[in-house]
Amino acid sequence: MQTEKMLNLLLPKGTIQSETLETFQRAGYDIDGYKSTDRSYRANFTNEDAFQIKISRPQEIPVYVGKDDFYDLGITGQDWVEETDADVEEILPLDYGFVSIVLAVREERSDINSFMDLVNLADRNIRISTEYLNIAEKYILEKTQNRIAPAILTPWKRLNTLGSYQSPITLMLSFGATEGKPPEEADAIIDNCSSARTLKANHLKIIEVLRESESTLIANPKSLKESWKREKIEELKQTLEKGLRRRRSQALPGHI
């Protein structure tokens, strides 16, 4: 019999999906409909009736969890929490989905080994392809002490930002396959990287690391103000923590 009070939980689809499923299973939660082969965007706990689960892209989850009362909880990357500037509270880092947000250029550019090299050696407007428009803009402003505000270009329009049409740097929105953009569509990229294998396969090298990120459990601040929701969220957090401790202990040398 289902409880009348339900928490709405968003789980990620894509690269961190299998590790998210494994994390819940290790904590004792059985999830039906969340395998990567499942085509539905809804799932459910078979042994827990206080949650309604929907599946979404990690990029969108912070926005939905932080918007009004749509969703109470979600799992996404810390990078997307920062990128979306969503009004959410991080409840528990989950010790998987580790990525670095990096600035990379073509390997043959032996003369470019830092962001300032890229700026100083450019003979024209610098095009940087990225999914992380906000993180990239913030990074460029920090590196140039607010002297350069990049222009931001999407396939549809030039966004209203601090950058002007005359800015020496243009951030170009990427919808994926970012590593394949240089040198024709971009001079450099800002992208997430877990092993650098894809970068190397596309003859790119990392010249700076902007951020480190991992998967995290986030909550809507309004949900945390409701006592029964806060209690259930804390219960979920503690159960997941036990699963994480179990995984860490099993990874220790000599563990049987």
C-alpha atoms as a PDB file:
ATOM      1  CA  MET A   1       0.000   0.000   0.000  1.00  0.00           C
ATOM      2  CA  GLN A   2       1.457   3.342  -1.003  1.00  0.00           C
ATOM      3  CA  THR A   3       1.847   6.206   1.430  1.00  0.00           C
ATOM      4  CA  GLU A   4      -0.035   9.430   0.693  1.00  0.00           C
ATOM      5  CA  LYS A   5       3.089  11.510   1.274  1.00  0.00           C
ATOM      6  CA  MET A   6       5.583  11.142  -1.554  1.00  0.00           C
ATOM      7  CA  LEU A   7       8.990  12.596  -2.277  1.00  0.00           C
ATOM      8  CA  ASN A   8       9.799  13.312  -5.906  1.00  0.00           C
ATOM      9  CA  LEU A   9      13.281  12.080  -6.830  1.00  0.00           C
ATOM     10  CA  LEU A  10      15.163  12.733 -10.072  1.00  0.00           C
ATOM     11  CA  LEU A  11      17.814  10.210 -11.113  1.00  0.00           C
ATOM     12  CA  PRO A  12      20.358  10.826 -13.886  1.00  0.00           C
ATOM     13  CA  LYS A  13      20.368   9.172 -17.278  1.00  0.00           C
ATOM     14  CA  GLY A  14      23.642   8.664 -19.135  1.00  0.00           C
ATOM     15  CA  THR A  15      27.238   8.341 -18.023  1.00  0.00           C
ATOM     16  CA  ILE A  16      26.613   8.138 -14.263  1.00  0.00           C
ATOM     17  CA  GLN A  17      23.437   6.057 -14.500  1.00  0.00           C
ATOM     18  CA  SER A  18      25.010   2.645 -13.869  1.00  0.00           C
ATOM     19  CA  GLU A  19      27.012   3.909 -10.872  1.00  0.00           C
ATOM     20  CA  THR A  20      23.898   5.573  -9.463  1.00  0.00           C
ATOM     21  CA  LEU A  21      21.978   2.304  -9.752  1.00  0.00           C
ATOM     22  CA  GLU A  22      24.853   0.430  -8.111  1.00  0.00           C
ATOM     23  CA  THR A  23      25.015   2.971  -5.271  1.00  0.00           C
ATOM     24  CA  PHE A  24      21.333   2.527  -4.460  1.00  0.00           C
ATOM     25  CA  GLN A  25      21.536  -1.250  -4.727  1.00  0.00           C
ATOM     26  CA  ARG A  26      24.512  -1.361  -2.379  1.00  0.00           C
ATOM     27  CA  ALA A  27      22.503   0.716   0.094  1.00  0.00           C
ATOM     28  CA  GLY A  28      19.671  -1.817  -0.055  1.00  0.00           C
ATOM     29  CA  TYR A  29      17.282  -0.096  -2.459  1.00  0.00           C
ATOM     30  CA  ASP A  30      15.876  -2.134  -5.346  1.00  0.00           C
ATOM     31  CA  ILE A  31      14.991   0.012  -8.371  1.00  0.00           C
ATOM     32  CA  ASP A  32      12.729  -1.217 -11.147  1.00  0.00           C
ATOM     33  CA  GLY A  33      12.934   0.506 -14.556  1.00  0.00           C
ATOM     34  CA  TYR A  34      16.316   2.185 -14.156  1.00  0.00           C
ATOM     35  CA  LYS A  35      18.642  -0.012 -16.184  1.00  0.00           C
ATOM     36  CA  SER A  36      20.389   1.670 -19.127  1.00  0.00           C
ATOM     37  CA  THR A  37      18.416  -0.590 -21.474  1.00  0.00           C
ATOM     38  CA  ASP A  38      15.060   0.587 -20.118  1.00  0.00           C
ATOM     39  CA  ARG A  39      13.323   3.088 -22.389  1.00  0.00           C
ATOM     40  CA  SER A  40      10.914   4.553 -19.846  1.00  0.00           C
ATOM     41  CA  TYR A  41      11.772   7.758 -18.035  1.00  0.00           C
ATOM     42  CA  ARG A  42      10.047   6.615 -14.857  1.00  0.00           C
ATOM     43  CA  ALA A  43      11.208   4.105 -12.276  1.00  0.00           C
ATOM     44  CA  ASN A  44      10.285   3.011  -8.781  1.00  0.00           C
ATOM     45  CA  PHE A  45      11.739   1.485  -5.645  1.00  0.00           C
ATOM     46  CA  THR A  46      10.304  -1.993  -5.229  1.00  0.00           C
ATOM     47  CA  ASN A  47      10.987  -1.972  -1.475  1.00  0.00           C
ATOM     48  CA  GLU A  48      10.287   1.688  -0.635  1.00  0.00           C
ATOM     49  CA  ASP A  49       6.975   3.423  -1.324  1.00  0.00           C
ATOM     50  CA  ALA A  50       7.728   6.990  -0.214  1.00  0.00           C
ATOM     51  CA  PHE A  51       9.394   8.067  -3.475  1.00  0.00           C
ATOM     52  CA  GLN A  52       8.267   8.820  -7.003  1.00  0.00           C
ATOM     53  CA  ILE A  53      11.190   8.531  -9.402  1.00  0.00           C
ATOM     54  CA  LYS A  54      11.698  10.216 -12.737  1.00  0.00           C
ATOM     55  CA  ILE A  55      14.798  10.008 -14.938  1.00  0.00           C
ATOM     56  CA  SER A  56      16.390  13.070 -16.521  1.00  0.00           C
ATOM     57  CA  ARG A  57      19.657  14.408 -17.903  1.00  0.00           C
ATOM     58  CA  PRO A  58      22.173  15.463 -15.214  1.00  0.00           C
ATOM     59  CA  GLN A  59      22.395  18.938 -16.800  1.00  0.00           C
ATOM     60  CA  GLU A  60      18.701  19.569 -16.130  1.00  0.00           C
ATOM     61  CA  ILE A  61      18.339  18.014 -12.676  1.00  0.00           C
ATOM     62  CA  PRO A  62      19.648  20.973 -10.586  1.00  0.00           C
ATOM     63  CA  VAL A  63      17.248  23.329 -12.357  1.00  0.00           C
ATOM     64  CA  TYR A  64      14.228  21.097 -11.753  1.00  0.00           C
ATOM     65  CA  VAL A  65      15.122  20.347  -8.119  1.00  0.00           C
ATOM     66  CA  GLY A  66      15.734  24.025  -7.411  1.00  0.00           C
ATOM     67  CA  LYS A  67      12.598  25.301  -9.141  1.00  0.00           C
ATOM     68  CA  ASP A  68       9.521  25.838  -6.986  1.00  0.00           C
ATOM     69  CA  ASP A  69       8.081  22.573  -5.669  1.00  0.00           C
ATOM     70  CA  PHE A  70       8.548  20.342  -8.713  1.00  0.00           C
ATOM     71  CA  TYR A  71      11.106  17.932  -7.222  1.00  0.00           C
ATOM     72  CA  ASP A  72      12.449  17.334  -3.736  1.00  0.00           C
ATOM     73  CA  LEU A  73      15.674  15.478  -4.502  1.00  0.00           C
ATOM     74  CA  GLY A  74      18.020  14.604  -7.312  1.00  0.00           C
ATOM     75  CA  ILE A  75      21.397  13.182  -8.210  1.00  0.00           C
ATOM     76  CA  THR A  76      23.634  15.118 -10.576  1.00  0.00           C
ATOM     77  CA  GLY A  77      27.208  16.352 -10.891  1.00  0.00           C
ATOM     78  CA  GLN A  78      28.621  19.177  -8.822  1.00  0.00           C
ATOM     79  CA  ASP A  79      29.662  20.740 -12.122  1.00  0.00           C
ATOM     80  CA  TRP A  80      26.038  21.069 -13.225  1.00  0.00           C
ATOM     81  CA  VAL A  81      25.014  22.502  -9.855  1.00  0.00           C
ATOM     82  CA  GLU A  82      27.571  25.264 -10.402  1.00  0.00           C
ATOM     83  CA  GLU A  83      26.836  25.692 -14.098  1.00  0.00           C
ATOM     84  CA  THR A  84      23.090  26.151 -13.592  1.00  0.00           C
ATOM     85  CA  ASP A  85      23.492  28.232 -10.408  1.00  0.00           C
ATOM     86  CA  ALA A  86      20.456  26.357  -9.123  1.00  0.00           C
ATOM     87  CA  ASP A  87      18.943  27.068  -5.720  1.00  0.00           C
ATOM     88  CA  VAL A  88      19.657  23.632  -4.239  1.00  0.00           C
ATOM     89  CA  GLU A  89      21.431  22.254  -1.207  1.00  0.00           C
ATOM     90  CA  GLU A  90      24.096  19.583  -1.561  1.00  0.00           C
ATOM     91  CA  ILE A  91      23.214  16.768   0.828  1.00  0.00           C
ATOM     92  CA  LEU A  92      25.842  14.105   0.158  1.00  0.00           C
ATOM     93  CA  PRO A  93      28.827  13.775  -2.208  1.00  0.00           C
ATOM     94  CA  LEU A  94      28.572  10.269  -3.661  1.00  0.00           C
ATOM     95  CA  ASP A  95      32.186   9.305  -4.364  1.00  0.00           C
ATOM     96  CA  TYR A  96      31.717   8.506  -8.067  1.00  0.00           C
ATOM     97  CA  GLY A  97      31.311  10.348 -11.345  1.00  0.00           C
ATOM     98  CA  PHE A  98      34.617  12.153 -10.843  1.00  0.00           C
ATOM     99  CA  VAL A  99      35.467  14.580 -13.644  1.00  0.00           C
ATOM    100  CA  SER A 100      37.746  17.557 -14.161  1.00  0.00           C
ATOM    101  CA  ILE A 101      36.585  20.600 -16.098  1.00  0.00           C
ATOM    102  CA  VAL A 102      39.549  21.399 -18.332  1.00  0.00           C
ATOM    103  CA  LEU A 103      40.757  23.837 -20.951  1.00  0.00           C
ATOM    104  CA  ALA A 104      42.352  21.977 -23.869  1.00  0.00           C
ATOM    105  CA  VAL A 105      43.944  22.842 -27.214  1.00  0.00           C
ATOM    106  CA  ARG A 106      45.440  20.878 -30.091  1.00  0.00           C
ATOM    107  CA  GLU A 107      48.577  18.888 -29.217  1.00  0.00           C
ATOM    108  CA  GLU A 108      50.600  20.477 -31.991  1.00  0.00           C
ATOM    109  CA  ARG A 109      50.317  23.883 -30.320  1.00  0.00           C
ATOM    110  CA  SER A 110      53.529  23.487 -28.332  1.00  0.00           C
ATOM    111  CA  ASP A 111      53.538  27.253 -27.852  1.00  0.00           C
ATOM    112  CA  ILE A 112      50.247  27.203 -25.925  1.00  0.00           C
ATOM    113  CA  ASN A 113      50.498  25.765 -22.395  1.00  0.00           C
ATOM    114  CA  SER A 114      48.227  28.067 -20.402  1.00  0.00           C
ATOM    115  CA  PHE A 115      45.158  30.232 -20.785  1.00  0.00           C
ATOM    116  CA  MET A 116      47.278  33.373 -21.023  1.00  0.00           C
ATOM    117  CA  ASP A 117      49.361  31.753 -23.777  1.00  0.00           C
ATOM    118  CA  LEU A 118      46.132  31.176 -25.671  1.00  0.00           C
ATOM    119  CA  VAL A 119      45.133  34.819 -25.267  1.00  0.00           C
ATOM    120  CA  ASN A 120      48.529  36.372 -25.930  1.00  0.00           C
ATOM    121  CA  LEU A 121      49.390  34.246 -28.963  1.00  0.00           C
ATOM    122  CA  ALA A 122      46.039  34.567 -30.701  1.00  0.00           C
ATOM    123  CA  ASP A 123      46.098  36.449 -33.991  1.00  0.00           C
ATOM    124  CA  ARG A 124      42.297  36.717 -34.136  1.00  0.00           C
ATOM    125  CA  ASN A 125      39.168  36.159 -32.042  1.00  0.00           C
ATOM    126  CA  ILE A 126      39.547  33.046 -29.849  1.00  0.00           C
ATOM    127  CA  ARG A 127      36.721  30.530 -30.216  1.00  0.00           C
ATOM    128  CA  ILE A 128      36.148  28.229 -27.243  1.00  0.00           C
ATOM    129  CA  SER A 129      33.581  25.436 -27.588  1.00  0.00           C
ATOM    130  CA  THR A 130      31.911  24.332 -24.353  1.00  0.00           C
ATOM    131  CA  GLU A 131      28.761  23.034 -22.657  1.00  0.00           C
ATOM    132  CA  TYR A 132      29.741  25.053 -19.589  1.00  0.00           C
ATOM    133  CA  LEU A 133      28.973  28.619 -20.646  1.00  0.00           C
ATOM    134  CA  ASN A 134      28.632  30.007 -17.123  1.00  0.00           C
ATOM    135  CA  ILE A 135      31.650  28.219 -15.637  1.00  0.00           C
ATOM    136  CA  ALA A 136      33.734  29.225 -18.648  1.00  0.00           C
ATOM    137  CA  GLU A 137      32.644  32.870 -18.484  1.00  0.00           C
ATOM    138  CA  LYS A 138      33.412  33.029 -14.758  1.00  0.00           C
ATOM    139  CA  TYR A 139      36.813  31.427 -15.342  1.00  0.00           C
ATOM    140  CA  ILE A 140      37.778  33.893 -18.069  1.00  0.00           C
ATOM    141  CA  LEU A 141      36.708  36.861 -15.967  1.00  0.00           C
ATOM    142  CA  GLU A 142      38.769  35.550 -13.035  1.00  0.00           C
ATOM    143  CA  LYS A 143      41.848  34.845 -15.164  1.00  0.00           C
ATOM    144  CA  THR A 144      41.783  38.285 -16.795  1.00  0.00           C
ATOM    145  CA  GLN A 145      40.749  40.157 -13.631  1.00  0.00           C
ATOM    146  CA  ASN A 146      37.551  41.247 -15.393  1.00  0.00           C
ATOM    147  CA  ARG A 147      39.480  42.815 -18.284  1.00  0.00           C
ATOM    148  CA  ILE A 148      38.017  40.388 -20.846  1.00  0.00           C
ATOM    149  CA  ALA A 149      34.324  39.537 -20.835  1.00  0.00           C
ATOM    150  CA  PRO A 150      33.707  36.823 -23.413  1.00  0.00           C
ATOM    151  CA  ALA A 151      30.937  37.021 -25.953  1.00  0.00           C
ATOM    152  CA  ILE A 152      28.603  34.016 -25.833  1.00  0.00           C
ATOM    153  CA  LEU A 153      27.204  32.506 -29.007  1.00  0.00           C
ATOM    154  CA  THR A 154      24.552  29.794 -29.337  1.00  0.00           C
ATOM    155  CA  PRO A 155      23.154  28.330 -32.565  1.00  0.00           C
ATOM    156  CA  TRP A 156      20.154  30.626 -32.215  1.00  0.00           C
ATOM    157  CA  LYS A 157      21.410  33.948 -30.905  1.00  0.00           C
ATOM    158  CA  ARG A 158      24.182  35.897 -29.260  1.00  0.00           C
ATOM    159  CA  LEU A 159      23.295  36.078 -25.589  1.00  0.00           C
ATOM    160  CA  ASN A 160      23.127  39.284 -23.594  1.00  0.00           C
ATOM    161  CA  THR A 161      26.269  39.042 -21.462  1.00  0.00           C
ATOM    162  CA  LEU A 162      29.080  41.276 -20.320  1.00  0.00           C
ATOM    163  CA  GLY A 163      30.902  40.459 -23.550  1.00  0.00           C
ATOM    164  CA  SER A 164      30.479  42.529 -26.654  1.00  0.00           C
ATOM    165  CA  TYR A 165      30.724  41.770 -30.353  1.00  0.00           C
ATOM    166  CA  GLN A 166      34.293  43.064 -30.167  1.00  0.00           C
ATOM    167  CA  SER A 167      35.382  40.715 -27.363  1.00  0.00           C
ATOM    168  CA  PRO A 168      38.583  38.806 -28.212  1.00  0.00           C
ATOM    169  CA  ILE A 169      37.027  35.590 -26.858  1.00  0.00           C
ATOM    170  CA  THR A 170      33.803  33.926 -27.978  1.00  0.00           C
ATOM    171  CA  LEU A 171      32.275  31.050 -26.032  1.00  0.00           C
ATOM    172  CA  MET A 172      30.350  28.786 -28.400  1.00  0.00           C
ATOM    173  CA  LEU A 173      27.686  26.489 -26.968  1.00  0.00           C
ATOM    174  CA  SER A 174      28.399  22.816 -27.669  1.00  0.00           C
ATOM    175  CA  PHE A 175      25.789  20.066 -27.581  1.00  0.00           C
ATOM    176  CA  GLY A 176      28.369  17.307 -27.180  1.00  0.00           C
ATOM    177  CA  ALA A 177      31.268  15.782 -29.111  1.00  0.00           C
ATOM    178  CA  THR A 178      33.116  18.884 -27.965  1.00  0.00           C
ATOM    179  CA  GLU A 179      36.514  17.206 -28.334  1.00  0.00           C
ATOM    180  CA  GLY A 180      35.990  17.014 -32.087  1.00  0.00           C
ATOM    181  CA  LYS A 181      35.485  20.740 -32.596  1.00  0.00           C
ATOM    182  CA  PRO A 182      39.138  21.927 -32.870  1.00  0.00           C
ATOM    183  CA  PRO A 183      40.687  23.120 -35.024  1.00  0.00           C
ATOM    184  CA  GLU A 184      37.925  23.853 -37.574  1.00  0.00           C
ATOM    185  CA  GLU A 185      35.058  25.006 -35.319  1.00  0.00           C
ATOM    186  CA  ALA A 186      37.059  26.061 -32.270  1.00  0.00           C
ATOM    187  CA  ASP A 187      40.549  27.018 -31.144  1.00  0.00           C
ATOM    188  CA  ALA A 188      40.093  25.450 -27.722  1.00  0.00           C
ATOM    189  CA  ILE A 189      37.511  23.630 -25.630  1.00  0.00           C
ATOM    190  CA  ILE A 190      36.348  23.682 -22.026  1.00  0.00           C
ATOM    191  CA  ASP A 191      34.929  20.262 -21.261  1.00  0.00           C
ATOM    192  CA  ASN A 192      34.654  17.583 -18.592  1.00  0.00           C
ATOM    193  CA  CYS A 193      37.294  14.893 -18.553  1.00  0.00           C
ATOM    194  CA  SER A 194      37.502  11.676 -16.519  1.00  0.00           C
ATOM    195  CA  SER A 195      40.424   9.818 -18.102  1.00  0.00           C
ATOM    196  CA  ALA A 196      41.724  12.062 -20.947  1.00  0.00           C
ATOM    197  CA  ARG A 197      41.436   9.147 -23.395  1.00  0.00           C
ATOM    198  CA  THR A 198      38.942  10.972 -25.617  1.00  0.00           C
ATOM    199  CA  LEU A 199      41.093  14.091 -25.556  1.00  0.00           C
ATOM    200  CA  LYS A 200      44.156  12.123 -26.617  1.00  0.00           C
ATOM    201  CA  ALA A 201      42.196  10.315 -29.330  1.00  0.00           C
ATOM    202  CA  ASN A 202      41.324  13.711 -30.772  1.00  0.00           C
ATOM    203  CA  HIS A 203      44.899  15.057 -30.441  1.00  0.00           C
ATOM    204  CA  LEU A 204      44.115  17.496 -27.643  1.00  0.00           C
ATOM    205  CA  LYS A 205      46.130  18.373 -24.554  1.00  0.00           C
ATOM    206  CA  ILE A 206      45.020  19.847 -21.247  1.00  0.00           C
ATOM    207  CA  ILE A 207      46.531  23.243 -20.507  1.00  0.00           C
ATOM    208  CA  GLU A 208      44.524  24.166 -17.393  1.00  0.00           C
ATOM    209  CA  VAL A 209      42.083  22.555 -14.946  1.00  0.00           C
ATOM    210  CA  LEU A 210      39.152  24.784 -13.977  1.00  0.00           C
ATOM    211  CA  ARG A 211      37.224  22.626 -11.519  1.00  0.00           C
ATOM    212  CA  GLU A 212      36.955  19.146  -9.997  1.00  0.00           C
ATOM    213  CA  SER A 213      33.540  17.529  -9.681  1.00  0.00           C
ATOM    214  CA  GLU A 214      31.780  14.391  -8.476  1.00  0.00           C
ATOM    215  CA  SER A 215      28.219  13.141  -8.303  1.00  0.00           C
ATOM    216  CA  THR A 216      26.131  14.518  -5.468  1.00  0.00           C
ATOM    217  CA  LEU A 217      22.708  14.187  -3.861  1.00  0.00           C
ATOM    218  CA  ILE A 218      20.912  17.540  -3.894  1.00  0.00           C
ATOM    219  CA  ALA A 219      17.686  18.749  -2.288  1.00  0.00           C
ATOM    220  CA  ASN A 220      15.194  21.551  -2.727  1.00  0.00           C
ATOM    221  CA  PRO A 221      15.647  23.975   0.240  1.00  0.00           C
ATOM    222  CA  LYS A 222      11.857  24.241   0.584  1.00  0.00           C
ATOM    223  CA  SER A 223      11.601  20.477   0.998  1.00  0.00           C
ATOM    224  CA  LEU A 224      14.143  20.577   3.830  1.00  0.00           C
ATOM    225  CA  LYS A 225      11.882  22.994   5.713  1.00  0.00           C
ATOM    226  CA  GLU A 226       9.033  20.455   5.836  1.00  0.00           C
ATOM    227  CA  SER A 227       9.630  18.167   8.812  1.00  0.00           C
ATOM    228  CA  TRP A 228       8.396  14.909   7.253  1.00  0.00           C
ATOM    229  CA  LYS A 229      10.342  15.525   4.044  1.00  0.00           C
ATOM    230  CA  ARG A 230      13.480  16.471   5.952  1.00  0.00           C
ATOM    231  CA  GLU A 231      13.184  13.304   8.036  1.00  0.00           C
ATOM    232  CA  LYS A 232      12.814  11.121   4.936  1.00  0.00           C
ATOM    233  CA  ILE A 233      15.685  12.890   3.158  1.00  0.00           C
ATOM    234  CA  GLU A 234      17.934  12.341   6.199  1.00  0.00           C
ATOM    235  CA  GLU A 235      16.955   8.679   6.251  1.00  0.00           C
ATOM    236  CA  LEU A 236      17.888   8.318   2.571  1.00  0.00           C
ATOM    237  CA  LYS A 237      21.174  10.148   3.159  1.00  0.00           C
ATOM    238  CA  GLN A 238      22.149   7.904   6.074  1.00  0.00           C
ATOM    239  CA  THR A 239      21.279   4.750   4.149  1.00  0.00           C
ATOM    240  CA  LEU A 240      23.337   5.852   1.140  1.00  0.00           C
ATOM    241  CA  GLU A 241      26.229   6.738   3.464  1.00  0.00           C
ATOM    242  CA  LYS A 242      26.194   3.183   4.825  1.00  0.00           C
ATOM    243  CA  GLY A 243      26.389   1.862   1.275  1.00  0.00           C
ATOM    244  CA  LEU A 244      29.314   4.165   0.492  1.00  0.00           C
ATOM    245  CA  ARG A 245      31.176   3.041   3.625  1.00  0.00           C
ATOM    246  CA  ARG A 246      30.557  -0.576   2.646  1.00  0.00           C
ATOM    247  CA  ARG A 247      32.032   0.022  -0.808  1.00  0.00           C
ATOM    248  CA  ARG A 248      35.089   1.781   0.626  1.00  0.00           C
ATOM    249  CA  SER A 249      35.729  -1.057   3.108  1.00  0.00           C
ATOM    250  CA  GLN A 250      35.458  -3.650   0.340  1.00  0.00           C
ATOM    251  CA  ALA A 251      38.009  -1.720  -1.693  1.00  0.00           C
ATOM    252  CA  LEU A 252      40.615  -1.872   1.093  1.00  0.00           C
ATOM    253  CA  PRO A 253      43.590  -4.222   0.426  1.00  0.00           C
ATOM    254  CA  GLY A 254      43.197  -7.569   2.110  1.00  0.00           C
ATOM    255  CA  HIS A 255      39.447  -7.233   2.617  1.00  0.00           C
ATOM    256  CA  ILE A 256      37.617 -10.543   2.410  1.00  0.00           C
END
